[in-house]
Structure formats: structure tokens, C-alpha cells
PDB file of N, CA and C in Angstrom:
ATOM      1  N   MET A   1     119.193  83.928  90.533  1.00  0.00           N
ATOM      2  CA  MET A   1     118.658  83.089  89.492  1.00  0.00           C
ATOM      3  C   MET A   1     117.388  82.408  89.999  1.00  0.00           C
ATOM      4  N   THR A   2     116.351  82.400  89.213  1.00  0.00           N
ATOM      5  CA  THR A   2     115.074  81.814  89.589  1.00  0.00           C
ATOM      6  C   THR A   2     115.061  80.330  89.273  1.00  0.00           C
ATOM      7  N   GLU A   3     114.622  79.531  90.225  1.00  0.00           N
ATOM      8  CA  GLU A   3     114.495  78.088  90.038  1.00  0.00           C
ATOM      9  C   GLU A   3     113.138  77.777  89.447  1.00  0.00           C
ATOM     10  N   ASN A   4     113.109  77.151  88.265  1.00  0.00           N
ATOM     11  CA  ASN A   4     111.856  76.855  87.581  1.00  0.00           C
ATOM     12  C   ASN A   4     111.450  75.393  87.662  1.00  0.00           C
ATOM     13  N   ARG A   5     112.231  74.573  88.300  1.00  0.00           N
ATOM     14  CA  ARG A   5     111.914  73.147  88.378  1.00  0.00           C
ATOM     15  C   ARG A   5     110.741  72.913  89.309  1.00  0.00           C
ATOM     16  N   LYS A   6     109.943  71.891  88.951  1.00  0.00           N
ATOM     17  CA  LYS A   6     108.780  71.548  89.767  1.00  0.00           C
ATOM     18  C   LYS A   6     109.167  70.733  90.989  1.00  0.00           C
ATOM     19  N   ALA A   7     110.285  70.008  90.883  1.00  0.00           N
ATOM     20  CA  ALA A   7     110.753  69.180  91.998  1.00  0.00           C
ATOM     21  C   ALA A   7     112.264  69.268  92.072  1.00  0.00           C
ATOM     22  N   GLN A   8     112.806  69.198  93.279  1.00  0.00           N
ATOM     23  CA  GLN A   8     114.253  69.258  93.449  1.00  0.00           C
ATOM     24  C   GLN A   8     114.879  67.994  92.871  1.00  0.00           C
ATOM     25  N   ARG A   9     115.947  68.176  92.092  1.00  0.00           N
ATOM     26  CA  ARG A   9     116.618  67.032  91.492  1.00  0.00           C
ATOM     27  C   ARG A   9     117.772  66.583  92.368  1.00  0.00           C
ATOM     28  N   ARG A  10     118.052  65.287  92.288  1.00  0.00           N
ATOM     29  CA  ARG A  10     119.200  64.743  93.010  1.00  0.00           C
ATOM     30  C   ARG A  10     120.245  64.271  91.996  1.00  0.00           C
ATOM     31  N   ARG A  11     121.489  64.439  92.353  1.00  0.00           N
ATOM     32  CA  ARG A  11     122.580  64.047  91.463  1.00  0.00           C
ATOM     33  C   ARG A  11     122.649  62.529  91.376  1.00  0.00           C
ATOM     34  N   VAL A  12     122.824  62.038  90.164  1.00  0.00           N
ATOM     35  CA  VAL A  12     123.016  60.610  89.923  1.00  0.00           C
ATOM     36  C   VAL A  12     124.032  60.471  88.793  1.00  0.00           C
ATOM     37  N   LEU A  13     124.494  59.292  88.570  1.00  0.00           N
ATOM     38  CA  LEU A  13     125.367  58.984  87.445  1.00  0.00           C
ATOM     39  C   LEU A  13     124.987  57.587  86.975  1.00  0.00           C
ATOM     40  N   LYS A  14     124.024  57.539  86.051  1.00  0.00           N
ATOM     41  CA  LYS A  14     123.483  56.265  85.582  1.00  0.00           C
ATOM     42  C   LYS A  14     123.480  56.223  84.062  1.00  0.00           C
ATOM     43  N   ALA A  15     123.714  55.039  83.533  1.00  0.00           N
ATOM     44  CA  ALA A  15     123.635  54.837  82.087  1.00  0.00           C
ATOM     45  C   ALA A  15     122.168  54.787  81.686  1.00  0.00           C
ATOM     46  N   GLY A  16     121.860  55.440  80.562  1.00  0.00           N
ATOM     47  CA  GLY A  16     120.499  55.437  80.051  1.00  0.00           C
ATOM     48  C   GLY A  16     120.495  55.277  78.542  1.00  0.00           C
ATOM     49  N   THR A  17     119.303  55.064  78.021  1.00  0.00           N
ATOM     50  CA  THR A  17     119.116  54.965  76.577  1.00  0.00           C
ATOM     51  C   THR A  17     117.940  55.823  76.185  1.00  0.00           C
ATOM     52  N   ILE A  18     118.136  56.643  75.161  1.00  0.00           N
ATOM     53  CA  ILE A  18     117.043  57.418  74.584  1.00  0.00           C
ATOM     54  C   ILE A  18     116.416  56.538  73.526  1.00  0.00           C
ATOM     55  N   SER A  19     115.203  56.091  73.790  1.00  0.00           N
ATOM     56  CA  SER A  19     114.509  55.161  72.901  1.00  0.00           C
ATOM     57  C   SER A  19     113.531  55.936  72.026  1.00  0.00           C
ATOM     58  N   ILE A  20     113.688  55.760  70.719  1.00  0.00           N
ATOM     59  CA  ILE A  20     112.838  56.456  69.749  1.00  0.00           C
ATOM     60  C   ILE A  20     112.002  55.416  69.021  1.00  0.00           C
ATOM     61  N   ASN A  21     110.699  55.464  69.211  1.00  0.00           N
ATOM     62  CA  ASN A  21     109.775  54.522  68.575  1.00  0.00           C
ATOM     63  C   ASN A  21     110.133  53.067  68.857  1.00  0.00           C
ATOM     64  N   ARG A  22     110.724  52.822  70.010  1.00  0.00           N
ATOM     65  CA  ARG A  22     111.100  51.473  70.442  1.00  0.00           C
ATOM     66  C   ARG A  22     112.038  50.761  69.473  1.00  0.00           C
ATOM     67  N   ALA A  23     112.565  51.497  68.483  1.00  0.00           N
ATOM     68  CA  ALA A  23     113.444  50.876  67.497  1.00  0.00           C
ATOM     69  C   ALA A  23     114.885  51.338  67.685  1.00  0.00           C
ATOM     70  N   ALA A  24     115.105  52.640  67.665  1.00  0.00           N
ATOM     71  CA  ALA A  24     116.452  53.186  67.760  1.00  0.00           C
ATOM     72  C   ALA A  24     116.790  53.485  69.211  1.00  0.00           C
ATOM     73  N   GLY A  25     118.069  53.434  69.534  1.00  0.00           N
ATOM     74  CA  GLY A  25     118.516  53.763  70.874  1.00  0.00           C
ATOM     75  C   GLY A  25     119.768  54.608  70.826  1.00  0.00           C
ATOM     76  N   ILE A  26     119.799  55.663  71.627  1.00  0.00           N
ATOM     77  CA  ILE A  26     120.953  56.545  71.719  1.00  0.00           C
ATOM     78  C   ILE A  26     121.421  56.513  73.166  1.00  0.00           C
ATOM     79  N   ASP A  27     122.688  56.177  73.372  1.00  0.00           N
ATOM     80  CA  ASP A  27     123.232  56.123  74.726  1.00  0.00           C
ATOM     81  C   ASP A  27     123.304  57.509  75.340  1.00  0.00           C
ATOM     82  N   CYS A  28     123.062  57.575  76.641  1.00  0.00           N
ATOM     83  CA  CYS A  28     123.169  58.828  77.376  1.00  0.00           C
ATOM     84  C   CYS A  28     123.573  58.519  78.807  1.00  0.00           C
ATOM     85  N   THR A  29     123.924  59.563  79.536  1.00  0.00           N
ATOM     86  CA  THR A  29     124.217  59.441  80.957  1.00  0.00           C
ATOM     87  C   THR A  29     123.263  60.353  81.706  1.00  0.00           C
ATOM     88  N   VAL A  30     122.562  59.806  82.680  1.00  0.00           N
ATOM     89  CA  VAL A  30     121.637  60.592  83.505  1.00  0.00           C
ATOM     90  C   VAL A  30     122.469  61.259  84.589  1.00  0.00           C
ATOM     91  N   ARG A  31     122.481  62.605  84.600  1.00  0.00           N
ATOM     92  CA  ARG A  31     123.304  63.371  85.548  1.00  0.00           C
ATOM     93  C   ARG A  31     122.539  63.797  86.792  1.00  0.00           C
ATOM     94  N   ASN A  32     121.266  64.155  86.624  1.00  0.00           N
ATOM     95  CA  ASN A  32     120.420  64.428  87.774  1.00  0.00           C
ATOM     96  C   ASN A  32     119.004  64.007  87.429  1.00  0.00           C
ATOM     97  N   PHE A  33     118.197  63.796  88.475  1.00  0.00           N
ATOM     98  CA  PHE A  33     116.919  63.131  88.289  1.00  0.00           C
ATOM     99  C   PHE A  33     115.953  63.553  89.384  1.00  0.00           C
ATOM    100  N   SER A  34     114.679  63.706  89.031  1.00  0.00           N
ATOM    101  CA  SER A  34     113.613  63.941  90.013  1.00  0.00           C
ATOM    102  C   SER A  34     112.353  63.260  89.502  1.00  0.00           C
ATOM    103  N   ASP A  35     111.276  63.402  90.233  1.00  0.00           N
ATOM    104  CA  ASP A  35     109.998  62.853  89.771  1.00  0.00           C
ATOM    105  C   ASP A  35     109.477  63.604  88.551  1.00  0.00           C
ATOM    106  N   ALA A  36     109.979  64.822  88.322  1.00  0.00           N
ATOM    107  CA  ALA A  36     109.460  65.663  87.245  1.00  0.00           C
ATOM    108  C   ALA A  36     110.342  65.690  85.992  1.00  0.00           C
ATOM    109  N   GLY A  37     111.645  65.339  86.108  1.00  0.00           N
ATOM    110  CA  GLY A  37     112.503  65.424  84.944  1.00  0.00           C
ATOM    111  C   GLY A  37     113.928  65.018  85.237  1.00  0.00           C
ATOM    112  N   ALA A  38     114.815  65.263  84.239  1.00  0.00           N
ATOM    113  CA  ALA A  38     116.204  64.840  84.363  1.00  0.00           C
ATOM    114  C   ALA A  38     117.095  65.685  83.462  1.00  0.00           C
ATOM    115  N   CYS A  39     118.389  65.591  83.711  1.00  0.00           N
ATOM    116  CA  CYS A  39     119.404  66.179  82.849  1.00  0.00           C
ATOM    117  C   CYS A  39     120.230  65.028  82.291  1.00  0.00           C
ATOM    118  N   LEU A  40     120.413  65.018  80.978  1.00  0.00           N
ATOM    119  CA  LEU A  40     121.097  63.924  80.307  1.00  0.00           C
ATOM    120  C   LEU A  40     122.328  64.428  79.576  1.00  0.00           C
ATOM    121  N   ASP A  41     123.451  63.716  79.705  1.00  0.00           N
ATOM    122  CA  ASP A  41     124.636  63.955  78.889  1.00  0.00           C
ATOM    123  C   ASP A  41     124.501  63.111  77.632  1.00  0.00           C
ATOM    124  N   VAL A  42     124.748  63.720  76.486  1.00  0.00           N
ATOM    125  CA  VAL A  42     124.684  63.015  75.199  1.00  0.00           C
ATOM    126  C   VAL A  42     125.906  63.399  74.373  1.00  0.00           C
ATOM    127  N   ALA A  43     126.266  62.542  73.414  1.00  0.00           N
ATOM    128  CA  ALA A  43     127.381  62.865  72.528  1.00  0.00           C
ATOM    129  C   ALA A  43     127.054  64.100  71.701  1.00  0.00           C
ATOM    130  N   SER A  44     125.807  64.176  71.233  1.00  0.00           N
ATOM    131  CA  SER A  44     125.326  65.326  70.465  1.00  0.00           C
ATOM    132  C   SER A  44     123.808  65.382  70.592  1.00  0.00           C
ATOM    133  N   PRO A  45     123.243  66.559  70.811  1.00  0.00           N
ATOM    134  CA  PRO A  45     121.792  66.656  70.921  1.00  0.00           C
ATOM    135  C   PRO A  45     121.092  66.643  69.552  1.00  0.00           C
ATOM    136  N   PHE A  46     121.869  66.755  68.481  1.00  0.00           N
ATOM    137  CA  PHE A  46     121.276  66.796  67.141  1.00  0.00           C
ATOM    138  C   PHE A  46     120.709  65.431  66.769  1.00  0.00           C
ATOM    139  N   GLY A  47     119.521  65.434  66.227  1.00  0.00           N
ATOM    140  CA  GLY A  47     118.855  64.202  65.839  1.00  0.00           C
ATOM    141  C   GLY A  47     117.997  63.595  66.926  1.00  0.00           C
ATOM    142  N   ILE A  48     118.066  64.141  68.128  1.00  0.00           N
ATOM    143  CA  ILE A  48     117.217  63.652  69.220  1.00  0.00           C
ATOM    144  C   ILE A  48     115.900  64.408  69.141  1.00  0.00           C
ATOM    145  N   PRO A  49     114.785  63.686  68.984  1.00  0.00           N
ATOM    146  CA  PRO A  49     113.491  64.366  68.849  1.00  0.00           C
ATOM    147  C   PRO A  49     113.049  65.026  70.155  1.00  0.00           C
ATOM    148  N   ASP A  50     112.030  65.858  70.074  1.00  0.00           N
ATOM    149  CA  ASP A  50     111.509  66.550  71.254  1.00  0.00           C
ATOM    150  C   ASP A  50     110.826  65.599  72.234  1.00  0.00           C
ATOM    151  N   ASP A  51     110.315  64.477  71.755  1.00  0.00           N
ATOM    152  CA  ASP A  51     109.627  63.502  72.604  1.00  0.00           C
ATOM    153  C   ASP A  51     110.239  62.124  72.395  1.00  0.00           C
ATOM    154  N   PHE A  52     110.547  61.442  73.501  1.00  0.00           N
ATOM    155  CA  PHE A  52     111.135  60.106  73.440  1.00  0.00           C
ATOM    156  C   PHE A  52     110.933  59.409  74.776  1.00  0.00           C
ATOM    157  N   GLU A  53     111.376  58.166  74.857  1.00  0.00           N
ATOM    158  CA  GLU A  53     111.308  57.370  76.079  1.00  0.00           C
ATOM    159  C   GLU A  53     112.728  57.237  76.637  1.00  0.00           C
ATOM    160  N   LEU A  54     112.916  57.599  77.899  1.00  0.00           N
ATOM    161  CA  LEU A  54     114.201  57.411  78.565  1.00  0.00           C
ATOM    162  C   LEU A  54     114.150  56.076  79.297  1.00  0.00           C
ATOM    163  N   VAL A  55     115.092  55.197  78.973  1.00  0.00           N
ATOM    164  CA  VAL A  55     115.168  53.882  79.606  1.00  0.00           C
ATOM    165  C   VAL A  55     116.417  53.854  80.476  1.00  0.00           C
ATOM    166  N   ILE A  56     116.225  53.563  81.761  1.00  0.00           N
ATOM    167  CA  ILE A  56     117.347  53.444  82.689  1.00  0.00           C
ATOM    168  C   ILE A  56     117.413  51.974  83.089  1.00  0.00           C
ATOM    169  N   GLY A  57     118.371  51.268  82.500  1.00  0.00           N
ATOM    170  CA  GLY A  57     118.475  49.825  82.695  1.00  0.00           C
ATOM    171  C   GLY A  57     118.736  49.423  84.131  1.00  0.00           C
ATOM    172  N   GLU A  58     119.573  50.180  84.823  1.00  0.00           N
ATOM    173  CA  GLU A  58     119.924  49.875  86.213  1.00  0.00           C
ATOM    174  C   GLU A  58     118.688  49.853  87.113  1.00  0.00           C
ATOM    175  N   ASP A  59     117.744  50.758  86.824  1.00  0.00           N
ATOM    176  CA  ASP A  59     116.514  50.852  87.616  1.00  0.00           C
ATOM    177  C   ASP A  59     115.363  50.056  87.021  1.00  0.00           C
ATOM    178  N   HIS A  60     115.564  49.513  85.818  1.00  0.00           N
ATOM    179  CA  HIS A  60     114.494  48.843  85.083  1.00  0.00           C
ATOM    180  C   HIS A  60     113.287  49.772  84.952  1.00  0.00           C
ATOM    181  N   SER A  61     113.579  51.040  84.579  1.00  0.00           N
ATOM    182  CA  SER A  61     112.504  52.025  84.498  1.00  0.00           C
ATOM    183  C   SER A  61     112.475  52.688  83.121  1.00  0.00           C
ATOM    184  N   GLU A  62     111.283  53.124  82.729  1.00  0.00           N
ATOM    185  CA  GLU A  62     111.071  53.855  81.486  1.00  0.00           C
ATOM    186  C   GLU A  62     110.296  55.118  81.800  1.00  0.00           C
ATOM    187  N   HIS A  63     110.703  56.230  81.168  1.00  0.00           N
ATOM    188  CA  HIS A  63     110.083  57.519  81.437  1.00  0.00           C
ATOM    189  C   HIS A  63     109.804  58.229  80.119  1.00  0.00           C
ATOM    190  N   PRO A  64     108.544  58.511  79.797  1.00  0.00           N
ATOM    191  CA  PRO A  64     108.261  59.323  78.609  1.00  0.00           C
ATOM    192  C   PRO A  64     108.723  60.754  78.859  1.00  0.00           C
ATOM    193  N   CYS A  65     109.478  61.323  77.911  1.00  0.00           N
ATOM    194  CA  CYS A  65     110.125  62.620  78.106  1.00  0.00           C
ATOM    195  C   CYS A  65     109.766  63.625  77.020  1.00  0.00           C
ATOM    196  N   HIS A  66     109.854  64.892  77.404  1.00  0.00           N
ATOM    197  CA  HIS A  66     109.759  66.002  76.460  1.00  0.00           C
ATOM    198  C   HIS A  66     110.963  66.910  76.729  1.00  0.00           C
ATOM    199  N   VAL A  67     111.712  67.254  75.666  1.00  0.00           N
ATOM    200  CA  VAL A  67     112.904  68.083  75.816  1.00  0.00           C
ATOM    201  C   VAL A  67     112.492  69.522  76.140  1.00  0.00           C
ATOM    202  N   ILE A  68     113.090  70.069  77.205  1.00  0.00           N
ATOM    203  CA  ILE A  68     112.839  71.442  77.636  1.00  0.00           C
ATOM    204  C   ILE A  68     113.947  72.362  77.151  1.00  0.00           C
ATOM    205  N   TRP A  69     115.201  71.891  77.196  1.00  0.00           N
ATOM    206  CA  TRP A  69     116.325  72.698  76.736  1.00  0.00           C
ATOM    207  C   TRP A  69     117.424  71.782  76.197  1.00  0.00           C
ATOM    208  N   ARG A  70     118.302  72.372  75.384  1.00  0.00           N
ATOM    209  CA  ARG A  70     119.438  71.658  74.793  1.00  0.00           C
ATOM    210  C   ARG A  70     120.669  72.551  74.861  1.00  0.00           C
ATOM    211  N   SER A  71     121.831  71.927  75.085  1.00  0.00           N
ATOM    212  CA  SER A  71     123.114  72.623  74.964  1.00  0.00           C
ATOM    213  C   SER A  71     124.035  71.732  74.143  1.00  0.00           C
ATOM    214  N   ASP A  72     125.326  72.035  74.130  1.00  0.00           N
ATOM    215  CA  ASP A  72     126.258  71.287  73.285  1.00  0.00           C
ATOM    216  C   ASP A  72     126.247  69.792  73.543  1.00  0.00           C
ATOM    217  N   LYS A  73     126.231  69.394  74.790  1.00  0.00           N
ATOM    218  CA  LYS A  73     126.326  67.966  75.122  1.00  0.00           C
ATOM    219  C   LYS A  73     125.320  67.539  76.186  1.00  0.00           C
ATOM    220  N   ARG A  74     124.348  68.383  76.483  1.00  0.00           N
ATOM    221  CA  ARG A  74     123.341  68.044  77.490  1.00  0.00           C
ATOM    222  C   ARG A  74     121.949  68.416  77.015  1.00  0.00           C
ATOM    223  N   ILE A  75     120.974  67.691  77.539  1.00  0.00           N
ATOM    224  CA  ILE A  75     119.578  68.054  77.330  1.00  0.00           C
ATOM    225  C   ILE A  75     118.832  67.932  78.651  1.00  0.00           C
ATOM    226  N   GLY A  76     117.894  68.827  78.855  1.00  0.00           N
ATOM    227  CA  GLY A  76     117.037  68.776  80.023  1.00  0.00           C
ATOM    228  C   GLY A  76     115.662  68.322  79.588  1.00  0.00           C
ATOM    229  N   VAL A  77     115.107  67.361  80.315  1.00  0.00           N
ATOM    230  CA  VAL A  77     113.804  66.807  79.943  1.00  0.00           C
ATOM    231  C   VAL A  77     112.824  66.887  81.091  1.00  0.00           C
ATOM    232  N   ALA A  78     111.566  67.010  80.742  1.00  0.00           N
ATOM    233  CA  ALA A  78     110.461  66.911  81.703  1.00  0.00           C
ATOM    234  C   ALA A  78     109.752  65.599  81.408  1.00  0.00           C
ATOM    235  N   PHE A  79     109.357  64.903  82.457  1.00  0.00           N
ATOM    236  CA  PHE A  79     108.611  63.665  82.270  1.00  0.00           C
ATOM    237  C   PHE A  79     107.161  63.990  81.986  1.00  0.00           C
ATOM    238  N   ARG A  80     106.582  63.296  81.017  1.00  0.00           N
ATOM    239  CA  ARG A  80     105.182  63.533  80.642  1.00  0.00           C
ATOM    240  C   ARG A  80     104.268  62.672  81.483  1.00  0.00           C
TER     241      ARG A  80
END
């Protein structure tokens, strides 16, 4: 299998929020993370736009994201 990631990701387990237009928030769990992107667990990927802000409260960090792939309960994002 070919690895297409730009940076190696490290496993994490952190609570996050998918912020849409700074108004709506969808809870998620950050499963792995790198400087280039992340994998997020979500209840459902439906209704999540292709571009959003990932907020990780524990780190007090915000990351503008673009969705690269979606599955039943996970999405992979690249940081813009």
C-alpha cells in the first residue's frame, strides 16, 4: 500500500469540534494528527462541509481543514 500523507501522523485521542462559519459546532474525536492533517471520528459525516475549522479545546488550537476522504464514521482532513 502506498503512503500518500505529507507528514507522519501520531495517534492521539482528543475531543474536538468541527466549527462551521463560527456558528455551528459538531463534536468529533481526533484519532491521529500531524502538521499536515488529521483523522476524525464523527457520529455521521453527512452534513459536514468540505471546508471547516477544527477546534481542539485541550490544545487551545484551531486548524482550517479540507476533507480528503469520508467513511461511515470517520473523515480524513488536510490542513489548509
